[in-house]
Amino acid sequence: MALVTVTSLTKINLAPKSVKDEIIQNVQCILGTVKGSVPLNRDFGTAIEAVDLPQPMAMMQLRIDIIEAIQKYEPRAIIRAIEFENETTAAADGILKPKITLEINEDA
């Protein structure tokens, strides 16, 4: 199992040491890309529409967007859980930071 967050992608490694590192980096890239911002692939990334929703609805919409994007663009990553950092304090500061627990399927 691997834990992935959006903020953990600092730089892109063009030659990852393992398949696991490659998959985690790909998931981080998907999470850190706003859907519509990639010129030749407008569907890549996660949607930003949840930004104006009430917190419970935003969390559910983000979960849906994350699941769909990862299933489409990195099928070797199997999502086991999606939680949010500081879920109890997120309402106060309005920031939702997803934490995704993945299982890596290197054979896919």
PDB file of N, CA and C in Angstrom:
ATOM      1  N   MET A   1       0.843  -1.181   0.000  1.00  0.00           N
ATOM      2  CA  MET A   1       0.000   0.000   0.000  1.00  0.00           C
ATOM      3  C   MET A   1       0.887   1.244   0.000  1.00  0.00           C
ATOM      4  N   ALA A   2       0.420   2.273  -0.655  1.00  0.00           N
ATOM      5  CA  ALA A   2       1.156   3.533  -0.729  1.00  0.00           C
ATOM      6  C   ALA A   2       0.199   4.667  -0.414  1.00  0.00           C
ATOM      7  N   LEU A   3       0.692   5.673   0.289  1.00  0.00           N
ATOM      8  CA  LEU A   3      -0.092   6.858   0.611  1.00  0.00           C
ATOM      9  C   LEU A   3       0.369   7.977  -0.298  1.00  0.00           C
ATOM     10  N   VAL A   4      -0.562   8.609  -1.009  1.00  0.00           N
ATOM     11  CA  VAL A   4      -0.226   9.655  -1.965  1.00  0.00           C
ATOM     12  C   VAL A   4      -0.992  10.918  -1.603  1.00  0.00           C
ATOM     13  N   THR A   5      -0.298  12.055  -1.644  1.00  0.00           N
ATOM     14  CA  THR A   5      -0.947  13.357  -1.463  1.00  0.00           C
ATOM     15  C   THR A   5      -0.563  14.256  -2.623  1.00  0.00           C
ATOM     16  N   VAL A   6      -1.326  15.292  -2.835  1.00  0.00           N
ATOM     17  CA  VAL A   6      -1.054  16.222  -3.928  1.00  0.00           C
ATOM     18  C   VAL A   6       0.255  16.958  -3.685  1.00  0.00           C
ATOM     19  N   THR A   7       0.508  17.350  -2.460  1.00  0.00           N
ATOM     20  CA  THR A   7       1.672  18.175  -2.159  1.00  0.00           C
ATOM     21  C   THR A   7       2.979  17.406  -2.179  1.00  0.00           C
ATOM     22  N   SER A   8       2.928  16.089  -2.309  1.00  0.00           N
ATOM     23  CA  SER A   8       4.164  15.321  -2.243  1.00  0.00           C
ATOM     24  C   SER A   8       4.932  15.279  -3.563  1.00  0.00           C
ATOM     25  N   LEU A   9       4.371  15.803  -4.656  1.00  0.00           N
ATOM     26  CA  LEU A   9       5.077  15.830  -5.934  1.00  0.00           C
ATOM     27  C   LEU A   9       5.901  17.105  -6.003  1.00  0.00           C
ATOM     28  N   THR A  10       7.211  16.968  -5.900  1.00  0.00           N
ATOM     29  CA  THR A  10       8.085  18.139  -5.917  1.00  0.00           C
ATOM     30  C   THR A  10       8.724  18.354  -7.272  1.00  0.00           C
ATOM     31  N   LYS A  11       9.162  17.276  -7.898  1.00  0.00           N
ATOM     32  CA  LYS A  11       9.702  17.375  -9.251  1.00  0.00           C
ATOM     33  C   LYS A  11       9.459  16.056  -9.955  1.00  0.00           C
ATOM     34  N   ILE A  12       9.444  16.103 -11.269  1.00  0.00           N
ATOM     35  CA  ILE A  12       9.176  14.912 -12.053  1.00  0.00           C
ATOM     36  C   ILE A  12      10.478  14.173 -12.305  1.00  0.00           C
ATOM     37  N   ASN A  13      10.454  12.883 -12.024  1.00  0.00           N
ATOM     38  CA  ASN A  13      11.595  12.014 -12.260  1.00  0.00           C
ATOM     39  C   ASN A  13      11.325  11.265 -13.560  1.00  0.00           C
ATOM     40  N   LEU A  14      12.107  11.548 -14.592  1.00  0.00           N
ATOM     41  CA  LEU A  14      11.888  10.918 -15.890  1.00  0.00           C
ATOM     42  C   LEU A  14      12.374   9.474 -15.947  1.00  0.00           C
ATOM     43  N   ALA A  15      13.096   9.048 -14.923  1.00  0.00           N
ATOM     44  CA  ALA A  15      13.573   7.668 -14.855  1.00  0.00           C
ATOM     45  C   ALA A  15      13.364   7.124 -13.443  1.00  0.00           C
ATOM     46  N   PRO A  16      12.094   6.857 -13.066  1.00  0.00           N
ATOM     47  CA  PRO A  16      11.833   6.332 -11.725  1.00  0.00           C
ATOM     48  C   PRO A  16      12.571   5.013 -11.495  1.00  0.00           C
ATOM     49  N   LYS A  17      12.953   4.786 -10.244  1.00  0.00           N
ATOM     50  CA  LYS A  17      13.736   3.596  -9.893  1.00  0.00           C
ATOM     51  C   LYS A  17      12.924   2.309  -9.945  1.00  0.00           C
ATOM     52  N   SER A  18      11.604   2.423  -9.787  1.00  0.00           N
ATOM     53  CA  SER A  18      10.767   1.230  -9.782  1.00  0.00           C
ATOM     54  C   SER A  18       9.409   1.542 -10.404  1.00  0.00           C
ATOM     55  N   VAL A  19       8.678   0.492 -10.707  1.00  0.00           N
ATOM     56  CA  VAL A  19       7.328   0.657 -11.243  1.00  0.00           C
ATOM     57  C   VAL A  19       6.447   1.340 -10.203  1.00  0.00           C
ATOM     58  N   LYS A  20       6.636   0.990  -8.939  1.00  0.00           N
ATOM     59  CA  LYS A  20       5.866   1.609  -7.858  1.00  0.00           C
ATOM     60  C   LYS A  20       6.093   3.116  -7.832  1.00  0.00           C
ATOM     61  N   ASP A  21       7.342   3.552  -7.931  1.00  0.00           N
ATOM     62  CA  ASP A  21       7.646   4.986  -7.945  1.00  0.00           C
ATOM     63  C   ASP A  21       7.000   5.670  -9.147  1.00  0.00           C
ATOM     64  N   GLU A  22       7.016   5.001 -10.293  1.00  0.00           N
ATOM     65  CA  GLU A  22       6.410   5.547 -11.503  1.00  0.00           C
ATOM     66  C   GLU A  22       4.905   5.736 -11.325  1.00  0.00           C
ATOM     67  N   ILE A  23       4.251   4.730 -10.781  1.00  0.00           N
ATOM     68  CA  ILE A  23       2.803   4.792 -10.591  1.00  0.00           C
ATOM     69  C   ILE A  23       2.433   5.885  -9.602  1.00  0.00           C
ATOM     70  N   ILE A  24       3.158   5.966  -8.504  1.00  0.00           N
ATOM     71  CA  ILE A  24       2.882   7.009  -7.507  1.00  0.00           C
ATOM     72  C   ILE A  24       3.087   8.396  -8.108  1.00  0.00           C
ATOM     73  N   GLN A  25       4.146   8.570  -8.871  1.00  0.00           N
ATOM     74  CA  GLN A  25       4.392   9.857  -9.515  1.00  0.00           C
ATOM     75  C   GLN A  25       3.275  10.201 -10.503  1.00  0.00           C
ATOM     76  N   ASN A  26       2.801   9.204 -11.254  1.00  0.00           N
ATOM     77  CA  ASN A  26       1.704   9.435 -12.193  1.00  0.00           C
ATOM     78  C   ASN A  26       0.433   9.868 -11.468  1.00  0.00           C
ATOM     79  N   VAL A  27       0.134   9.213 -10.341  1.00  0.00           N
ATOM     80  CA  VAL A  27      -1.051   9.582  -9.568  1.00  0.00           C
ATOM     81  C   VAL A  27      -0.903  11.008  -9.016  1.00  0.00           C
ATOM     82  N   GLN A  28       0.275  11.345  -8.524  1.00  0.00           N
ATOM     83  CA  GLN A  28       0.508  12.701  -8.031  1.00  0.00           C
ATOM     84  C   GLN A  28       0.302  13.723  -9.141  1.00  0.00           C
ATOM     85  N   CYS A  29       0.743  13.402 -10.334  1.00  0.00           N
ATOM     86  CA  CYS A  29       0.573  14.298 -11.477  1.00  0.00           C
ATOM     87  C   CYS A  29      -0.907  14.468 -11.817  1.00  0.00           C
ATOM     88  N   ILE A  30      -1.655  13.381 -11.791  1.00  0.00           N
ATOM     89  CA  ILE A  30      -3.099  13.447 -12.053  1.00  0.00           C
ATOM     90  C   ILE A  30      -3.780  14.332 -11.017  1.00  0.00           C
ATOM     91  N   LEU A  31      -3.438  14.121  -9.740  1.00  0.00           N
ATOM     92  CA  LEU A  31      -4.065  14.888  -8.661  1.00  0.00           C
ATOM     93  C   LEU A  31      -3.699  16.370  -8.715  1.00  0.00           C
ATOM     94  N   GLY A  32      -2.510  16.673  -9.170  1.00  0.00           N
ATOM     95  CA  GLY A  32      -2.035  18.054  -9.192  1.00  0.00           C
ATOM     96  C   GLY A  32      -2.382  18.822 -10.451  1.00  0.00           C
ATOM     97  N   THR A  33      -3.107  18.182 -11.371  1.00  0.00           N
ATOM     98  CA  THR A  33      -3.464  18.830 -12.632  1.00  0.00           C
ATOM     99  C   THR A  33      -4.949  19.154 -12.651  1.00  0.00           C
ATOM    100  N   VAL A  34      -5.276  20.392 -12.962  1.00  0.00           N
ATOM    101  CA  VAL A  34      -6.672  20.810 -13.065  1.00  0.00           C
ATOM    102  C   VAL A  34      -7.197  20.381 -14.435  1.00  0.00           C
ATOM    103  N   LYS A  35      -8.330  19.690 -14.419  1.00  0.00           N
ATOM    104  CA  LYS A  35      -8.944  19.244 -15.671  1.00  0.00           C
ATOM    105  C   LYS A  35      -9.193  20.461 -16.560  1.00  0.00           C
ATOM    106  N   GLY A  36      -8.790  20.348 -17.828  1.00  0.00           N
ATOM    107  CA  GLY A  36      -8.958  21.438 -18.781  1.00  0.00           C
ATOM    108  C   GLY A  36      -7.695  22.252 -18.990  1.00  0.00           C
ATOM    109  N   SER A  37      -6.661  22.003 -18.178  1.00  0.00           N
ATOM    110  CA  SER A  37      -5.446  22.817 -18.267  1.00  0.00           C
ATOM    111  C   SER A  37      -4.370  22.231 -19.181  1.00  0.00           C
ATOM    112  N   VAL A  38      -4.555  21.007 -19.653  1.00  0.00           N
ATOM    113  CA  VAL A  38      -3.578  20.381 -20.547  1.00  0.00           C
ATOM    114  C   VAL A  38      -4.078  20.581 -21.978  1.00  0.00           C
ATOM    115  N   PRO A  39      -3.356  21.351 -22.799  1.00  0.00           N
ATOM    116  CA  PRO A  39      -3.862  21.751 -24.115  1.00  0.00           C
ATOM    117  C   PRO A  39      -4.335  20.615 -25.030  1.00  0.00           C
ATOM    118  N   LEU A  40      -3.612  19.540 -25.144  1.00  0.00           N
ATOM    119  CA  LEU A  40      -4.016  18.490 -26.074  1.00  0.00           C
ATOM    120  C   LEU A  40      -4.778  17.348 -25.412  1.00  0.00           C
ATOM    121  N   ASN A  41      -5.046  17.487 -24.125  1.00  0.00           N
ATOM    122  CA  ASN A  41      -5.825  16.471 -23.410  1.00  0.00           C
ATOM    123  C   ASN A  41      -6.629  17.167 -22.317  1.00  0.00           C
ATOM    124  N   ARG A  42      -7.690  17.831 -22.699  1.00  0.00           N
ATOM    125  CA  ARG A  42      -8.493  18.634 -21.768  1.00  0.00           C
ATOM    126  C   ARG A  42      -9.190  17.808 -20.702  1.00  0.00           C
ATOM    127  N   ASP A  43      -9.276  16.500 -20.874  1.00  0.00           N
ATOM    128  CA  ASP A  43      -9.954  15.651 -19.897  1.00  0.00           C
ATOM    129  C   ASP A  43      -9.011  15.162 -18.799  1.00  0.00           C
ATOM    130  N   PHE A  44      -7.704  15.383 -18.964  1.00  0.00           N
ATOM    131  CA  PHE A  44      -6.712  14.897 -18.000  1.00  0.00           C
ATOM    132  C   PHE A  44      -6.766  15.709 -16.708  1.00  0.00           C
ATOM    133  N   GLY A  45      -6.646  15.043 -15.568  1.00  0.00           N
ATOM    134  CA  GLY A  45      -6.610  15.720 -14.266  1.00  0.00           C
ATOM    135  C   GLY A  45      -7.911  15.576 -13.509  1.00  0.00           C
ATOM    136  N   THR A  46      -8.051  16.407 -12.486  1.00  0.00           N
ATOM    137  CA  THR A  46      -9.264  16.383 -11.668  1.00  0.00           C
ATOM    138  C   THR A  46      -9.994  17.708 -11.807  1.00  0.00           C
ATOM    139  N   ALA A  47     -11.311  17.652 -11.712  1.00  0.00           N
ATOM    140  CA  ALA A  47     -12.162  18.825 -11.923  1.00  0.00           C
ATOM    141  C   ALA A  47     -12.050  19.802 -10.760  1.00  0.00           C
ATOM    142  N   ILE A  48     -12.349  21.054 -11.051  1.00  0.00           N
ATOM    143  CA  ILE A  48     -12.269  22.104 -10.039  1.00  0.00           C
ATOM    144  C   ILE A  48     -13.664  22.599  -9.632  1.00  0.00           C
ATOM    145  N   GLU A  49     -14.711  22.017 -10.200  1.00  0.00           N
ATOM    146  CA  GLU A  49     -16.075  22.475  -9.935  1.00  0.00           C
ATOM    147  C   GLU A  49     -16.473  22.374  -8.464  1.00  0.00           C
ATOM    148  N   ALA A  50     -15.822  21.501  -7.710  1.00  0.00           N
ATOM    149  CA  ALA A  50     -16.182  21.297  -6.301  1.00  0.00           C
ATOM    150  C   ALA A  50     -15.779  22.471  -5.422  1.00  0.00           C
ATOM    151  N   VAL A  51     -15.026  23.410  -5.951  1.00  0.00           N
ATOM    152  CA  VAL A  51     -14.477  24.493  -5.130  1.00  0.00           C
ATOM    153  C   VAL A  51     -15.556  25.349  -4.466  1.00  0.00           C
ATOM    154  N   ASP A  52     -16.706  25.503  -5.085  1.00  0.00           N
ATOM    155  CA  ASP A  52     -17.759  26.352  -4.530  1.00  0.00           C
ATOM    156  C   ASP A  52     -18.869  25.586  -3.817  1.00  0.00           C
ATOM    157  N   LEU A  53     -18.694  24.286  -3.684  1.00  0.00           N
ATOM    158  CA  LEU A  53     -19.715  23.471  -3.030  1.00  0.00           C
ATOM    159  C   LEU A  53     -19.528  23.477  -1.519  1.00  0.00           C
ATOM    160  N   PRO A  54     -20.603  23.209  -0.774  1.00  0.00           N
ATOM    161  CA  PRO A  54     -20.443  23.013   0.677  1.00  0.00           C
ATOM    162  C   PRO A  54     -19.484  21.853   0.932  1.00  0.00           C
ATOM    163  N   GLN A  55     -18.776  21.896   2.051  1.00  0.00           N
ATOM    164  CA  GLN A  55     -17.701  20.935   2.309  1.00  0.00           C
ATOM    165  C   GLN A  55     -18.097  19.464   2.116  1.00  0.00           C
ATOM    166  N   PRO A  56     -19.195  18.979   2.686  1.00  0.00           N
ATOM    167  CA  PRO A  56     -19.517  17.551   2.486  1.00  0.00           C
ATOM    168  C   PRO A  56     -19.733  17.199   1.017  1.00  0.00           C
ATOM    169  N   MET A  57     -20.373  18.085   0.273  1.00  0.00           N
ATOM    170  CA  MET A  57     -20.593  17.839  -1.152  1.00  0.00           C
ATOM    171  C   MET A  57     -19.283  17.936  -1.929  1.00  0.00           C
ATOM    172  N   ALA A  58     -18.425  18.888  -1.553  1.00  0.00           N
ATOM    173  CA  ALA A  58     -17.132  19.043  -2.214  1.00  0.00           C
ATOM    174  C   ALA A  58     -16.273  17.800  -2.000  1.00  0.00           C
ATOM    175  N   MET A  59     -16.276  17.277  -0.787  1.00  0.00           N
ATOM    176  CA  MET A  59     -15.498  16.077  -0.494  1.00  0.00           C
ATOM    177  C   MET A  59     -15.982  14.900  -1.335  1.00  0.00           C
ATOM    178  N   MET A  60     -17.283  14.731  -1.451  1.00  0.00           N
ATOM    179  CA  MET A  60     -17.820  13.629  -2.247  1.00  0.00           C
ATOM    180  C   MET A  60     -17.501  13.828  -3.724  1.00  0.00           C
ATOM    181  N   GLN A  61     -17.645  15.053  -4.227  1.00  0.00           N
ATOM    182  CA  GLN A  61     -17.350  15.315  -5.634  1.00  0.00           C
ATOM    183  C   GLN A  61     -15.874  15.097  -5.935  1.00  0.00           C
ATOM    184  N   LEU A  62     -15.001  15.521  -5.032  1.00  0.00           N
ATOM    185  CA  LEU A  62     -13.567  15.289  -5.215  1.00  0.00           C
ATOM    186  C   LEU A  62     -13.250  13.802  -5.231  1.00  0.00           C
ATOM    187  N   ARG A  63     -13.872  13.045  -4.353  1.00  0.00           N
ATOM    188  CA  ARG A  63     -13.658  11.589  -4.344  1.00  0.00           C
ATOM    189  C   ARG A  63     -14.040  10.979  -5.694  1.00  0.00           C
ATOM    190  N   ILE A  64     -15.184  11.380  -6.211  1.00  0.00           N
ATOM    191  CA  ILE A  64     -15.642  10.867  -7.501  1.00  0.00           C
ATOM    192  C   ILE A  64     -14.655  11.232  -8.605  1.00  0.00           C
ATOM    193  N   ASP A  65     -14.248  12.504  -8.654  1.00  0.00           N
ATOM    194  CA  ASP A  65     -13.309  12.967  -9.682  1.00  0.00           C
ATOM    195  C   ASP A  65     -11.975  12.236  -9.596  1.00  0.00           C
ATOM    196  N   ILE A  66     -11.482  12.048  -8.382  1.00  0.00           N
ATOM    197  CA  ILE A  66     -10.195  11.359  -8.179  1.00  0.00           C
ATOM    198  C   ILE A  66     -10.290   9.909  -8.643  1.00  0.00           C
ATOM    199  N   ILE A  67     -11.345   9.221  -8.252  1.00  0.00           N
ATOM    200  CA  ILE A  67     -11.520   7.818  -8.641  1.00  0.00           C
ATOM    201  C   ILE A  67     -11.584   7.696 -10.160  1.00  0.00           C
ATOM    202  N   GLU A  68     -12.402   8.530 -10.805  1.00  0.00           N
ATOM    203  CA  GLU A  68     -12.547   8.455 -12.262  1.00  0.00           C
ATOM    204  C   GLU A  68     -11.227   8.752 -12.973  1.00  0.00           C
ATOM    205  N   ALA A  69     -10.509   9.784 -12.528  1.00  0.00           N
ATOM    206  CA  ALA A  69      -9.260  10.167 -13.189  1.00  0.00           C
ATOM    207  C   ALA A  69      -8.188   9.092 -13.035  1.00  0.00           C
ATOM    208  N   ILE A  70      -8.055   8.541 -11.840  1.00  0.00           N
ATOM    209  CA  ILE A  70      -7.022   7.528 -11.615  1.00  0.00           C
ATOM    210  C   ILE A  70      -7.369   6.234 -12.360  1.00  0.00           C
ATOM    211  N   GLN A  71      -8.635   5.853 -12.365  1.00  0.00           N
ATOM    212  CA  GLN A  71      -9.026   4.654 -13.114  1.00  0.00           C
ATOM    213  C   GLN A  71      -8.751   4.820 -14.604  1.00  0.00           C
ATOM    214  N   LYS A  72      -8.942   6.016 -15.116  1.00  0.00           N
ATOM    215  CA  LYS A  72      -8.753   6.255 -16.545  1.00  0.00           C
ATOM    216  C   LYS A  72      -7.276   6.374 -16.924  1.00  0.00           C
ATOM    217  N   TYR A  73      -6.506   7.132 -16.142  1.00  0.00           N
ATOM    218  CA  TYR A  73      -5.147   7.475 -16.552  1.00  0.00           C
ATOM    219  C   TYR A  73      -4.041   6.666 -15.875  1.00  0.00           C
ATOM    220  N   GLU A  74      -4.346   5.962 -14.796  1.00  0.00           N
ATOM    221  CA  GLU A  74      -3.339   5.106 -14.159  1.00  0.00           C
ATOM    222  C   GLU A  74      -4.030   3.881 -13.577  1.00  0.00           C
ATOM    223  N   PRO A  75      -4.474   2.959 -14.456  1.00  0.00           N
ATOM    224  CA  PRO A  75      -5.231   1.794 -13.987  1.00  0.00           C
ATOM    225  C   PRO A  75      -4.410   0.823 -13.137  1.00  0.00           C
ATOM    226  N   ARG A  76      -3.087   0.986 -13.087  1.00  0.00           N
ATOM    227  CA  ARG A  76      -2.261   0.119 -12.232  1.00  0.00           C
ATOM    228  C   ARG A  76      -2.409   0.497 -10.757  1.00  0.00           C
ATOM    229  N   ALA A  77      -2.973   1.660 -10.480  1.00  0.00           N
ATOM    230  CA  ALA A  77      -3.193   2.117  -9.105  1.00  0.00           C
ATOM    231  C   ALA A  77      -4.625   1.768  -8.705  1.00  0.00           C
ATOM    232  N   ILE A  78      -4.760   1.000  -7.655  1.00  0.00           N
ATOM    233  CA  ILE A  78      -6.072   0.608  -7.148  1.00  0.00           C
ATOM    234  C   ILE A  78      -6.326   1.416  -5.880  1.00  0.00           C
ATOM    235  N   ILE A  79      -7.362   2.227  -5.897  1.00  0.00           N
ATOM    236  CA  ILE A  79      -7.674   3.096  -4.765  1.00  0.00           C
ATOM    237  C   ILE A  79      -8.304   2.266  -3.658  1.00  0.00           C
ATOM    238  N   ARG A  80      -7.730   2.353  -2.464  1.00  0.00           N
ATOM    239  CA  ARG A  80      -8.269   1.648  -1.299  1.00  0.00           C
ATOM    240  C   ARG A  80      -8.987   2.602  -0.350  1.00  0.00           C
ATOM    241  N   ALA A  81      -8.566   3.867  -0.325  1.00  0.00           N
ATOM    242  CA  ALA A  81      -9.227   4.844   0.548  1.00  0.00           C
ATOM    243  C   ALA A  81      -8.895   6.250   0.080  1.00  0.00           C
ATOM    244  N   ILE A  82      -9.845   7.156   0.261  1.00  0.00           N
ATOM    245  CA  ILE A  82      -9.606   8.581   0.029  1.00  0.00           C
ATOM    246  C   ILE A  82     -10.088   9.305   1.273  1.00  0.00           C
ATOM    247  N   GLU A  83      -9.157   9.951   1.941  1.00  0.00           N
ATOM    248  CA  GLU A  83      -9.470  10.749   3.126  1.00  0.00           C
ATOM    249  C   GLU A  83      -8.951  12.155   2.859  1.00  0.00           C
ATOM    250  N   PHE A  84      -9.227  13.039   3.774  1.00  0.00           N
ATOM    251  CA  PHE A  84      -8.746  14.407   3.639  1.00  0.00           C
ATOM    252  C   PHE A  84      -7.948  14.791   4.861  1.00  0.00           C
ATOM    253  N   GLU A  85      -6.780  15.424   4.640  1.00  0.00           N
ATOM    254  CA  GLU A  85      -5.951  15.891   5.754  1.00  0.00           C
ATOM    255  C   GLU A  85      -6.752  16.896   6.565  1.00  0.00           C
ATOM    256  N   ASN A  86      -6.620  16.807   7.870  1.00  0.00           N
ATOM    257  CA  ASN A  86      -7.277  17.754   8.772  1.00  0.00           C
ATOM    258  C   ASN A  86      -8.758  17.912   8.445  1.00  0.00           C
ATOM    259  N   GLU A  87      -9.423  16.791   8.257  1.00  0.00           N
ATOM    260  CA  GLU A  87     -10.834  16.819   7.872  1.00  0.00           C
ATOM    261  C   GLU A  87     -11.680  17.625   8.856  1.00  0.00           C
ATOM    262  N   THR A  88     -11.310  17.598  10.121  1.00  0.00           N
ATOM    263  CA  THR A  88     -12.087  18.342  11.117  1.00  0.00           C
ATOM    264  C   THR A  88     -11.831  19.837  11.040  1.00  0.00           C
ATOM    265  N   THR A  89     -10.615  20.235  10.661  1.00  0.00           N
ATOM    266  CA  THR A  89     -10.316  21.666  10.576  1.00  0.00           C
ATOM    267  C   THR A  89     -10.503  22.214   9.170  1.00  0.00           C
ATOM    268  N   ALA A  90     -10.802  21.356   8.202  1.00  0.00           N
ATOM    269  CA  ALA A  90     -10.967  21.812   6.819  1.00  0.00           C
ATOM    270  C   ALA A  90     -12.122  22.791   6.694  1.00  0.00           C
ATOM    271  N   ALA A  91     -13.158  22.621   7.520  1.00  0.00           N
ATOM    272  CA  ALA A  91     -14.291  23.531   7.453  1.00  0.00           C
ATOM    273  C   ALA A  91     -13.880  24.939   7.844  1.00  0.00           C
ATOM    274  N   ALA A  92     -12.958  25.059   8.779  1.00  0.00           N
ATOM    275  CA  ALA A  92     -12.526  26.371   9.244  1.00  0.00           C
ATOM    276  C   ALA A  92     -11.678  27.098   8.205  1.00  0.00           C
ATOM    277  N   ASP A  93     -10.726  26.381   7.571  1.00  0.00           N
ATOM    278  CA  ASP A  93      -9.847  27.056   6.622  1.00  0.00           C
ATOM    279  C   ASP A  93     -10.270  26.867   5.168  1.00  0.00           C
ATOM    280  N   GLY A  94     -11.230  25.981   4.905  1.00  0.00           N
ATOM    281  CA  GLY A  94     -11.749  25.797   3.561  1.00  0.00           C
ATOM    282  C   GLY A  94     -10.826  25.051   2.613  1.00  0.00           C
ATOM    283  N   ILE A  95      -9.804  24.402   3.132  1.00  0.00           N
ATOM    284  CA  ILE A  95      -8.840  23.696   2.283  1.00  0.00           C
ATOM    285  C   ILE A  95      -9.016  22.192   2.461  1.00  0.00           C
ATOM    286  N   LEU A  96      -9.256  21.509   1.360  1.00  0.00           N
ATOM    287  CA  LEU A  96      -9.361  20.056   1.373  1.00  0.00           C
ATOM    288  C   LEU A  96      -8.140  19.484   0.671  1.00  0.00           C
ATOM    289  N   LYS A  97      -7.343  18.714   1.404  1.00  0.00           N
ATOM    290  CA  LYS A  97      -6.149  18.087   0.843  1.00  0.00           C
ATOM    291  C   LYS A  97      -6.366  16.580   0.853  1.00  0.00           C
ATOM    292  N   PRO A  98      -6.591  15.987  -0.332  1.00  0.00           N
ATOM    293  CA  PRO A  98      -6.855  14.548  -0.360  1.00  0.00           C
ATOM    294  C   PRO A  98      -5.616  13.720  -0.045  1.00  0.00           C
ATOM    295  N   LYS A  99      -5.844  12.634   0.682  1.00  0.00           N
ATOM    296  CA  LYS A  99      -4.826  11.608   0.944  1.00  0.00           C
ATOM    297  C   LYS A  99      -5.389  10.310   0.388  1.00  0.00           C
ATOM    298  N   ILE A 100      -4.694   9.730  -0.570  1.00  0.00           N
ATOM    299  CA  ILE A 100      -5.179   8.533  -1.232  1.00  0.00           C
ATOM    300  C   ILE A 100      -4.301   7.355  -0.852  1.00  0.00           C
ATOM    301  N   THR A 101      -4.932   6.284  -0.405  1.00  0.00           N
ATOM    302  CA  THR A 101      -4.223   5.043  -0.126  1.00  0.00           C
ATOM    303  C   THR A 101      -4.403   4.154  -1.341  1.00  0.00           C
ATOM    304  N   LEU A 102      -3.272   3.736  -1.923  1.00  0.00           N
ATOM    305  CA  LEU A 102      -3.276   2.952  -3.147  1.00  0.00           C
ATOM    306  C   LEU A 102      -2.702   1.574  -2.945  1.00  0.00           C
ATOM    307  N   GLU A 103      -3.185   0.656  -3.729  1.00  0.00           N
ATOM    308  CA  GLU A 103      -2.531  -0.629  -3.883  1.00  0.00           C
ATOM    309  C   GLU A 103      -1.964  -0.624  -5.299  1.00  0.00           C
ATOM    310  N   ILE A 104      -0.739  -1.048  -5.447  1.00  0.00           N
ATOM    311  CA  ILE A 104      -0.081  -1.021  -6.748  1.00  0.00           C
ATOM    312  C   ILE A 104      -0.216  -2.383  -7.411  1.00  0.00           C
ATOM    313  N   ASN A 105      -0.741  -2.384  -8.630  1.00  0.00           N
ATOM    314  CA  ASN A 105      -0.858  -3.605  -9.432  1.00  0.00           C
ATOM    315  C   ASN A 105       0.112  -3.473 -10.600  1.00  0.00           C
ATOM    316  N   GLU A 106       1.312  -3.935 -10.423  1.00  0.00           N
ATOM    317  CA  GLU A 106       2.360  -3.784 -11.435  1.00  0.00           C
ATOM    318  C   GLU A 106       2.110  -4.640 -12.664  1.00  0.00           C
ATOM    319  N   ASP A 107       1.208  -5.605 -12.566  1.00  0.00           N
ATOM    320  CA  ASP A 107       0.962  -6.512 -13.681  1.00  0.00           C
ATOM    321  C   ASP A 107      -0.075  -6.000 -14.654  1.00  0.00           C
ATOM    322  N   ALA A 108      -0.794  -4.942 -14.313  1.00  0.00           N
ATOM    323  CA  ALA A 108      -1.880  -4.437 -15.167  1.00  0.00           C
ATOM    324  C   ALA A 108      -1.344  -3.789 -16.431  1.00  0.00           C
TER     325      ALA A 108
END
